[in-house]
Amino acid sequence: MDWREHIWIDAERMHGLPCLRGTRVPVFVILDNLAGGESAERILAEYPSLRPEHIPAALAFAAELAHERVVPIPA
């Protein structure tokens, strides 16, 4: 999964938080919901602007950040 295709950051939107491309949903919203035990299906139902591929993209992004190195985020 190449999360770079699905995550973007724009300093002028959402306070520069990483968001799922084509939405205003920050990546942390997906991760918080998954960590809280929500299913991918429920998250997608609650945030209709999300696409199924956004869920694994958010996880791949978090996994890369866990390597504790600088991760460039495409604009």
C-alpha atoms as a PDB file:
ATOM      1  CA  MET A   1       0.000   0.000   0.000  1.00  0.00           C
ATOM      2  CA  ASP A   2       1.500   3.319  -1.069  1.00  0.00           C
ATOM      3  CA  TRP A   3      -0.164   5.671   1.397  1.00  0.00           C
ATOM      4  CA  ARG A   4       1.256   8.677  -0.487  1.00  0.00           C
ATOM      5  CA  GLU A   5      -1.444   8.225  -3.112  1.00  0.00           C
ATOM      6  CA  HIS A   6      -4.154   8.664  -0.477  1.00  0.00           C
ATOM      7  CA  ILE A   7      -2.844  11.160   2.093  1.00  0.00           C
ATOM      8  CA  TRP A   8      -2.180  14.839   1.545  1.00  0.00           C
ATOM      9  CA  ILE A   9      -1.327  17.898   3.579  1.00  0.00           C
ATOM     10  CA  ASP A  10      -2.105  21.522   2.842  1.00  0.00           C
ATOM     11  CA  ALA A  11      -1.058  24.233   5.283  1.00  0.00           C
ATOM     12  CA  GLU A  12      -4.167  26.211   4.292  1.00  0.00           C
ATOM     13  CA  ARG A  13      -6.630  23.409   5.131  1.00  0.00           C
ATOM     14  CA  MET A  14      -7.355  21.560   8.346  1.00  0.00           C
ATOM     15  CA  HIS A  15      -4.496  23.411  10.069  1.00  0.00           C
ATOM     16  CA  GLY A  16      -1.944  21.471   8.026  1.00  0.00           C
ATOM     17  CA  LEU A  17      -2.966  18.075   9.400  1.00  0.00           C
ATOM     18  CA  PRO A  18      -2.452  15.010   7.192  1.00  0.00           C
ATOM     19  CA  CYS A  19      -5.848  14.203   5.643  1.00  0.00           C
ATOM     20  CA  LEU A  20      -7.234  11.534   3.380  1.00  0.00           C
ATOM     21  CA  ARG A  21      -7.072  12.789  -0.192  1.00  0.00           C
ATOM     22  CA  GLY A  22     -10.326  14.234  -1.463  1.00  0.00           C
ATOM     23  CA  THR A  23     -11.686  14.706   2.070  1.00  0.00           C
ATOM     24  CA  ARG A  24     -11.239  16.904   5.083  1.00  0.00           C
ATOM     25  CA  VAL A  25     -10.923  13.859   7.347  1.00  0.00           C
ATOM     26  CA  PRO A  26      -7.610  13.852   9.240  1.00  0.00           C
ATOM     27  CA  VAL A  27      -5.659  10.602   9.368  1.00  0.00           C
ATOM     28  CA  PHE A  28      -5.809  10.616  13.165  1.00  0.00           C
ATOM     29  CA  VAL A  29      -9.607  10.257  13.014  1.00  0.00           C
ATOM     30  CA  ILE A  30      -9.237   6.913  11.239  1.00  0.00           C
ATOM     31  CA  LEU A  31      -6.482   5.761  13.584  1.00  0.00           C
ATOM     32  CA  ASP A  32      -8.359   6.845  16.722  1.00  0.00           C
ATOM     33  CA  ASN A  33     -11.478   5.006  15.587  1.00  0.00           C
ATOM     34  CA  LEU A  34      -9.564   1.831  14.745  1.00  0.00           C
ATOM     35  CA  ALA A  35      -7.709   1.989  18.062  1.00  0.00           C
ATOM     36  CA  GLY A  36     -11.070   2.361  19.793  1.00  0.00           C
ATOM     37  CA  GLY A  37     -12.291  -0.869  18.252  1.00  0.00           C
ATOM     38  CA  GLU A  38     -14.438   0.492  15.415  1.00  0.00           C
ATOM     39  CA  SER A  39     -14.624  -1.594  12.275  1.00  0.00           C
ATOM     40  CA  ALA A  40     -13.571  -0.246   8.903  1.00  0.00           C
ATOM     41  CA  GLU A  41     -17.176  -0.652   7.735  1.00  0.00           C
ATOM     42  CA  ARG A  42     -18.482   1.510  10.570  1.00  0.00           C
ATOM     43  CA  ILE A  43     -15.854   4.213   9.957  1.00  0.00           C
ATOM     44  CA  LEU A  44     -16.749   4.302   6.276  1.00  0.00           C
ATOM     45  CA  ALA A  45     -20.441   4.602   7.170  1.00  0.00           C
ATOM     46  CA  GLU A  46     -19.762   7.452   9.615  1.00  0.00           C
ATOM     47  CA  TYR A  47     -17.555   9.378   7.155  1.00  0.00           C
ATOM     48  CA  PRO A  48     -19.176   9.032   3.719  1.00  0.00           C
ATOM     49  CA  SER A  49     -16.430  11.002   1.963  1.00  0.00           C
ATOM     50  CA  LEU A  50     -13.946   8.211   2.773  1.00  0.00           C
ATOM     51  CA  ARG A  51     -13.171   5.396   0.369  1.00  0.00           C
ATOM     52  CA  PRO A  52     -12.268   1.840   1.431  1.00  0.00           C
ATOM     53  CA  GLU A  53      -8.622   2.309   0.400  1.00  0.00           C
ATOM     54  CA  HIS A  54      -8.282   5.181   2.898  1.00  0.00           C
ATOM     55  CA  ILE A  55      -8.316   2.780   5.856  1.00  0.00           C
ATOM     56  CA  PRO A  56      -5.194   0.755   4.936  1.00  0.00           C
ATOM     57  CA  ALA A  57      -3.531   3.988   3.760  1.00  0.00           C
ATOM     58  CA  ALA A  58      -3.963   5.494   7.234  1.00  0.00           C
ATOM     59  CA  LEU A  59      -2.510   2.346   8.799  1.00  0.00           C
ATOM     60  CA  ALA A  60       0.439   2.326   6.393  1.00  0.00           C
ATOM     61  CA  PHE A  61       1.094   5.999   7.172  1.00  0.00           C
ATOM     62  CA  ALA A  62       1.070   5.292  10.924  1.00  0.00           C
ATOM     63  CA  ALA A  63       3.353   2.292  10.477  1.00  0.00           C
ATOM     64  CA  GLU A  64       5.879   4.384   8.598  1.00  0.00           C
ATOM     65  CA  LEU A  65       5.777   7.098  11.260  1.00  0.00           C
ATOM     66  CA  ALA A  66       6.433   4.455  13.904  1.00  0.00           C
ATOM     67  CA  HIS A  67       9.868   3.941  12.374  1.00  0.00           C
ATOM     68  CA  GLU A  68      10.803   7.312  13.967  1.00  0.00           C
ATOM     69  CA  ARG A  69      12.218   9.019  10.955  1.00  0.00           C
ATOM     70  CA  VAL A  70      11.233  12.007   8.856  1.00  0.00           C
ATOM     71  CA  VAL A  71       8.423  11.129   6.438  1.00  0.00           C
ATOM     72  CA  PRO A  72       7.765  13.562   3.574  1.00  0.00           C
ATOM     73  CA  ILE A  73       4.088  14.158   2.921  1.00  0.00           C
ATOM     74  CA  PRO A  74       3.080  15.154  -0.620  1.00  0.00           C
ATOM     75  CA  ALA A  75       1.235  18.430  -1.072  1.00  0.00           C
END
